[in-house]
């Protein structure tokens, strides 16, 4: 009986994690950040282009 209670608690914790507003906000902000970076950084450039434009550090 104790094992079922532990599994139920674990299931509840997992469900609460995936249903949380905090996870939604973090996921949304990650998507926004990636979209902004993908919009600002020019695409399909060769390695020399990026090295010249952003330097070795970036």
PDB file of N, CA and C in Angstrom:
ATOM      1  N   UNK A   1       0.821  -1.190   0.000  1.00  0.00           N
ATOM      2  CA  UNK A   1       0.000   0.000   0.000  1.00  0.00           C
ATOM      3  C   UNK A   1       0.868   1.257   0.000  1.00  0.00           C
ATOM      4  N   UNK A   2       1.982   1.224   0.697  1.00  0.00           N
ATOM      5  CA  UNK A   2       2.872   2.368   0.779  1.00  0.00           C
ATOM      6  C   UNK A   2       3.482   2.690  -0.585  1.00  0.00           C
ATOM      7  N   UNK A   3       3.774   1.677  -1.380  1.00  0.00           N
ATOM      8  CA  UNK A   3       4.353   1.879  -2.701  1.00  0.00           C
ATOM      9  C   UNK A   3       3.386   2.620  -3.605  1.00  0.00           C
ATOM     10  N   UNK A   4       2.106   2.272  -3.544  1.00  0.00           N
ATOM     11  CA  UNK A   4       1.102   2.967  -4.355  1.00  0.00           C
ATOM     12  C   UNK A   4       0.978   4.430  -3.943  1.00  0.00           C
ATOM     13  N   UNK A   5       1.084   4.692  -2.651  1.00  0.00           N
ATOM     14  CA  UNK A   5       1.009   6.072  -2.196  1.00  0.00           C
ATOM     15  C   UNK A   5       2.206   6.877  -2.688  1.00  0.00           C
ATOM     16  N   UNK A   6       3.391   6.264  -2.675  1.00  0.00           N
ATOM     17  CA  UNK A   6       4.591   6.938  -3.166  1.00  0.00           C
ATOM     18  C   UNK A   6       4.483   7.213  -4.662  1.00  0.00           C
ATOM     19  N   UNK A   7       3.973   6.242  -5.425  1.00  0.00           N
ATOM     20  CA  UNK A   7       3.801   6.425  -6.863  1.00  0.00           C
ATOM     21  C   UNK A   7       2.768   7.510  -7.137  1.00  0.00           C
ATOM     22  N   UNK A   8       1.718   7.540  -6.335  1.00  0.00           N
ATOM     23  CA  UNK A   8       0.687   8.548  -6.503  1.00  0.00           C
ATOM     24  C   UNK A   8       1.249   9.934  -6.219  1.00  0.00           C
ATOM     25  N   UNK A   9       2.054  10.043  -5.172  1.00  0.00           N
ATOM     26  CA  UNK A   9       2.671  11.326  -4.845  1.00  0.00           C
ATOM     27  C   UNK A   9       3.625  11.769  -5.949  1.00  0.00           C
ATOM     28  N   UNK A  10       4.400  10.838  -6.460  1.00  0.00           N
ATOM     29  CA  UNK A  10       5.319  11.154  -7.544  1.00  0.00           C
ATOM     30  C   UNK A  10       4.545  11.608  -8.778  1.00  0.00           C
ATOM     31  N   UNK A  11       3.486  10.890  -9.098  1.00  0.00           N
ATOM     32  CA  UNK A  11       2.653  11.282 -10.233  1.00  0.00           C
ATOM     33  C   UNK A  11       2.052  12.661 -10.048  1.00  0.00           C
ATOM     34  N   UNK A  12       1.613  12.958  -8.833  1.00  0.00           N
ATOM     35  CA  UNK A  12       1.057  14.280  -8.548  1.00  0.00           C
ATOM     36  C   UNK A  12       2.118  15.370  -8.692  1.00  0.00           C
ATOM     37  N   UNK A  13       3.320  15.082  -8.211  1.00  0.00           N
ATOM     38  CA  UNK A  13       4.393  16.068  -8.331  1.00  0.00           C
ATOM     39  C   UNK A  13       4.752  16.327  -9.792  1.00  0.00           C
ATOM     40  N   UNK A  14       4.833  15.268 -10.565  1.00  0.00           N
ATOM     41  CA  UNK A  14       5.150  15.417 -11.991  1.00  0.00           C
ATOM     42  C   UNK A  14       4.043  16.202 -12.688  1.00  0.00           C
ATOM     43  N   UNK A  15       2.808  15.870 -12.403  1.00  0.00           N
ATOM     44  CA  UNK A  15       1.679  16.573 -13.028  1.00  0.00           C
ATOM     45  C   UNK A  15       1.688  18.052 -12.644  1.00  0.00           C
ATOM     46  N   UNK A  16       1.913  18.353 -11.373  1.00  0.00           N
ATOM     47  CA  UNK A  16       1.943  19.746 -10.927  1.00  0.00           C
ATOM     48  C   UNK A  16       3.082  20.513 -11.591  1.00  0.00           C
ATOM     49  N   UNK A  17       4.225  19.847 -11.796  1.00  0.00           N
ATOM     50  CA  UNK A  17       5.354  20.495 -12.454  1.00  0.00           C
ATOM     51  C   UNK A  17       4.999  20.875 -13.885  1.00  0.00           C
ATOM     52  N   UNK A  18       4.432  19.940 -14.641  1.00  0.00           N
ATOM     53  CA  UNK A  18       4.127  20.213 -16.036  1.00  0.00           C
ATOM     54  C   UNK A  18       2.902  21.111 -16.209  1.00  0.00           C
ATOM     55  N   UNK A  19       2.072  21.220 -15.199  1.00  0.00           N
ATOM     56  CA  UNK A  19       0.896  22.071 -15.266  1.00  0.00           C
ATOM     57  C   UNK A  19       1.129  23.428 -14.601  1.00  0.00           C
ATOM     58  N   UNK A  20       2.348  23.727 -14.203  1.00  0.00           N
ATOM     59  CA  UNK A  20       2.616  24.953 -13.459  1.00  0.00           C
ATOM     60  C   UNK A  20       2.733  26.159 -14.388  1.00  0.00           C
ATOM     61  N   UNK A  21       2.382  27.299 -13.869  1.00  0.00           N
ATOM     62  CA  UNK A  21       2.501  28.550 -14.606  1.00  0.00           C
ATOM     63  C   UNK A  21       3.973  28.917 -14.767  1.00  0.00           C
ATOM     64  N   UNK A  22       4.783  28.602 -13.783  1.00  0.00           N
ATOM     65  CA  UNK A  22       6.217  28.915 -13.867  1.00  0.00           C
ATOM     66  C   UNK A  22       6.871  28.229 -15.058  1.00  0.00           C
ATOM     67  N   UNK A  23       6.550  26.970 -15.275  1.00  0.00           N
ATOM     68  CA  UNK A  23       7.114  26.256 -16.424  1.00  0.00           C
ATOM     69  C   UNK A  23       6.645  26.899 -17.726  1.00  0.00           C
ATOM     70  N   UNK A  24       5.403  27.318 -17.776  1.00  0.00           N
ATOM     71  CA  UNK A  24       4.870  27.973 -18.967  1.00  0.00           C
ATOM     72  C   UNK A  24       5.617  29.269 -19.247  1.00  0.00           C
ATOM     73  N   UNK A  25       5.861  30.051 -18.223  1.00  0.00           N
ATOM     74  CA  UNK A  25       6.557  31.329 -18.399  1.00  0.00           C
ATOM     75  C   UNK A  25       7.993  31.102 -18.856  1.00  0.00           C
ATOM     76  N   UNK A  26       8.696  30.165 -18.252  1.00  0.00           N
ATOM     77  CA  UNK A  26      10.082  29.883 -18.642  1.00  0.00           C
ATOM     78  C   UNK A  26      10.142  29.370 -20.080  1.00  0.00           C
ATOM     79  N   UNK A  27       9.232  28.495 -20.454  1.00  0.00           N
ATOM     80  CA  UNK A  27       9.200  27.975 -21.819  1.00  0.00           C
ATOM     81  C   UNK A  27       8.903  29.091 -22.824  1.00  0.00           C
ATOM     82  N   UNK A  28       7.947  29.941 -22.504  1.00  0.00           N
ATOM     83  CA  UNK A  28       7.589  31.047 -23.380  1.00  0.00           C
ATOM     84  C   UNK A  28       8.758  32.019 -23.538  1.00  0.00           C
ATOM     85  N   UNK A  29       9.421  32.376 -22.441  1.00  0.00           N
ATOM     86  CA  UNK A  29      10.547  33.302 -22.528  1.00  0.00           C
ATOM     87  C   UNK A  29      11.720  32.692 -23.292  1.00  0.00           C
ATOM     88  N   UNK A  30      11.934  31.398 -23.159  1.00  0.00           N
ATOM     89  CA  UNK A  30      12.983  30.724 -23.935  1.00  0.00           C
ATOM     90  C   UNK A  30      12.673  30.782 -25.426  1.00  0.00           C
ATOM     91  N   UNK A  31      11.429  30.559 -25.774  1.00  0.00           N
ATOM     92  CA  UNK A  31      11.011  30.622 -27.179  1.00  0.00           C
ATOM     93  C   UNK A  31      11.167  32.033 -27.729  1.00  0.00           C
ATOM     94  N   UNK A  32      10.786  33.029 -26.949  1.00  0.00           N
ATOM     95  CA  UNK A  32      10.926  34.423 -27.372  1.00  0.00           C
ATOM     96  C   UNK A  32      12.390  34.781 -27.570  1.00  0.00           C
ATOM     97  N   UNK A  33      13.239  34.381 -26.637  1.00  0.00           N
ATOM     98  CA  UNK A  33      14.667  34.680 -26.742  1.00  0.00           C
ATOM     99  C   UNK A  33      15.284  34.040 -27.979  1.00  0.00           C
ATOM    100  N   UNK A  34      14.964  32.792 -28.219  1.00  0.00           N
ATOM    101  CA  UNK A  34      15.497  32.100 -29.398  1.00  0.00           C
ATOM    102  C   UNK A  34      14.985  32.748 -30.684  1.00  0.00           C
ATOM    103  N   UNK A  35      13.739  33.175 -30.676  1.00  0.00           N
ATOM    104  CA  UNK A  35      13.176  33.829 -31.867  1.00  0.00           C
ATOM    105  C   UNK A  35      13.850  35.166 -32.139  1.00  0.00           C
ATOM    106  N   UNK A  36      14.096  35.929 -31.103  1.00  0.00           N
ATOM    107  CA  UNK A  36      14.753  37.222 -31.274  1.00  0.00           C
ATOM    108  C   UNK A  36      16.178  37.032 -31.783  1.00  0.00           C
ATOM    109  N   UNK A  37      16.897  36.098 -31.197  1.00  0.00           N
ATOM    110  CA  UNK A  37      18.264  35.836 -31.659  1.00  0.00           C
ATOM    111  C   UNK A  37      18.261  35.370 -33.105  1.00  0.00           C
ATOM    112  N   UNK A  38      17.329  34.498 -33.460  1.00  0.00           N
ATOM    113  CA  UNK A  38      17.238  34.014 -34.835  1.00  0.00           C
ATOM    114  C   UNK A  38      16.851  35.095 -35.819  1.00  0.00           C
ATOM    115  N   UNK A  39      16.172  36.138 -35.347  1.00  0.00           N
ATOM    116  CA  UNK A  39      15.790  37.240 -36.213  1.00  0.00           C
ATOM    117  C   UNK A  39      16.929  38.223 -36.393  1.00  0.00           C
ATOM    118  N   UNK A  40      17.690  38.459 -35.339  1.00  0.00           N
ATOM    119  CA  UNK A  40      18.761  39.462 -35.384  1.00  0.00           C
ATOM    120  C   UNK A  40      20.003  38.938 -36.102  1.00  0.00           C
ATOM    121  N   UNK A  41      20.393  37.719 -35.845  1.00  0.00           N
ATOM    122  CA  UNK A  41      21.613  37.160 -36.430  1.00  0.00           C
ATOM    123  C   UNK A  41      21.324  36.729 -37.867  1.00  0.00           C
ATOM    124  N   UNK A  42      22.101  37.246 -38.821  1.00  0.00           N
ATOM    125  CA  UNK A  42      21.901  36.843 -40.220  1.00  0.00           C
ATOM    126  C   UNK A  42      22.164  35.349 -40.408  1.00  0.00           C
ATOM    127  N   UNK A  43      21.360  34.715 -41.237  1.00  0.00           N
ATOM    128  CA  UNK A  43      21.468  33.277 -41.453  1.00  0.00           C
ATOM    129  C   UNK A  43      22.231  32.979 -42.744  1.00  0.00           C
ATOM    130  N   UNK A  44      22.687  31.734 -42.869  1.00  0.00           N
ATOM    131  CA  UNK A  44      23.345  31.195 -44.067  1.00  0.00           C
ATOM    132  C   UNK A  44      24.659  31.881 -44.401  1.00  0.00           C
ATOM    133  N   UNK A  45      25.345  32.415 -43.398  1.00  0.00           N
ATOM    134  CA  UNK A  45      26.669  32.972 -43.624  1.00  0.00           C
ATOM    135  C   UNK A  45      27.718  31.904 -43.361  1.00  0.00           C
ATOM    136  N   UNK A  46      28.831  32.049 -44.009  1.00  0.00           N
ATOM    137  CA  UNK A  46      29.925  31.106 -43.786  1.00  0.00           C
ATOM    138  C   UNK A  46      30.634  31.403 -42.472  1.00  0.00           C
ATOM    139  N   UNK A  47      31.502  30.490 -42.049  1.00  0.00           N
ATOM    140  CA  UNK A  47      32.239  30.703 -40.795  1.00  0.00           C
ATOM    141  C   UNK A  47      33.070  31.990 -40.793  1.00  0.00           C
ATOM    142  N   UNK A  48      33.633  32.361 -41.931  1.00  0.00           N
ATOM    143  CA  UNK A  48      34.438  33.585 -42.017  1.00  0.00           C
ATOM    144  C   UNK A  48      33.582  34.824 -41.789  1.00  0.00           C
ATOM    145  N   UNK A  49      32.359  34.803 -42.298  1.00  0.00           N
ATOM    146  CA  UNK A  49      31.437  35.927 -42.119  1.00  0.00           C
ATOM    147  C   UNK A  49      31.145  36.156 -40.639  1.00  0.00           C
ATOM    148  N   UNK A  50      30.816  35.084 -39.927  1.00  0.00           N
ATOM    149  CA  UNK A  50      30.494  35.209 -38.506  1.00  0.00           C
ATOM    150  C   UNK A  50      31.719  35.591 -37.685  1.00  0.00           C
ATOM    151  N   UNK A  51      32.877  35.060 -38.051  1.00  0.00           N
ATOM    152  CA  UNK A  51      34.113  35.396 -37.341  1.00  0.00           C
ATOM    153  C   UNK A  51      34.437  36.870 -37.506  1.00  0.00           C
ATOM    154  N   UNK A  52      34.272  37.389 -38.710  1.00  0.00           N
ATOM    155  CA  UNK A  52      34.551  38.800 -38.979  1.00  0.00           C
ATOM    156  C   UNK A  52      33.521  39.707 -38.296  1.00  0.00           C
ATOM    157  N   UNK A  53      32.259  39.319 -38.317  1.00  0.00           N
ATOM    158  CA  UNK A  53      31.194  40.160 -37.772  1.00  0.00           C
ATOM    159  C   UNK A  53      31.160  40.146 -36.245  1.00  0.00           C
ATOM    160  N   UNK A  54      31.324  38.980 -35.603  1.00  0.00           N
ATOM    161  CA  UNK A  54      31.141  38.868 -34.159  1.00  0.00           C
ATOM    162  C   UNK A  54      32.421  38.590 -33.384  1.00  0.00           C
ATOM    163  N   UNK A  55      33.520  38.278 -34.060  1.00  0.00           N
ATOM    164  CA  UNK A  55      34.779  38.021 -33.383  1.00  0.00           C
ATOM    165  C   UNK A  55      34.867  36.582 -32.888  1.00  0.00           C
ATOM    166  N   UNK A  56      36.000  36.240 -32.321  1.00  0.00           N
ATOM    167  CA  UNK A  56      36.249  34.865 -31.878  1.00  0.00           C
ATOM    168  C   UNK A  56      35.475  34.517 -30.614  1.00  0.00           C
ATOM    169  N   UNK A  57      35.191  35.497 -29.777  1.00  0.00           N
ATOM    170  CA  UNK A  57      34.543  35.236 -28.498  1.00  0.00           C
ATOM    171  C   UNK A  57      33.108  34.746 -28.708  1.00  0.00           C
ATOM    172  N   UNK A  58      32.357  35.401 -29.580  1.00  0.00           N
ATOM    173  CA  UNK A  58      30.964  35.005 -29.806  1.00  0.00           C
ATOM    174  C   UNK A  58      30.878  33.948 -30.874  1.00  0.00           C
TER     175      UNK A  58
END
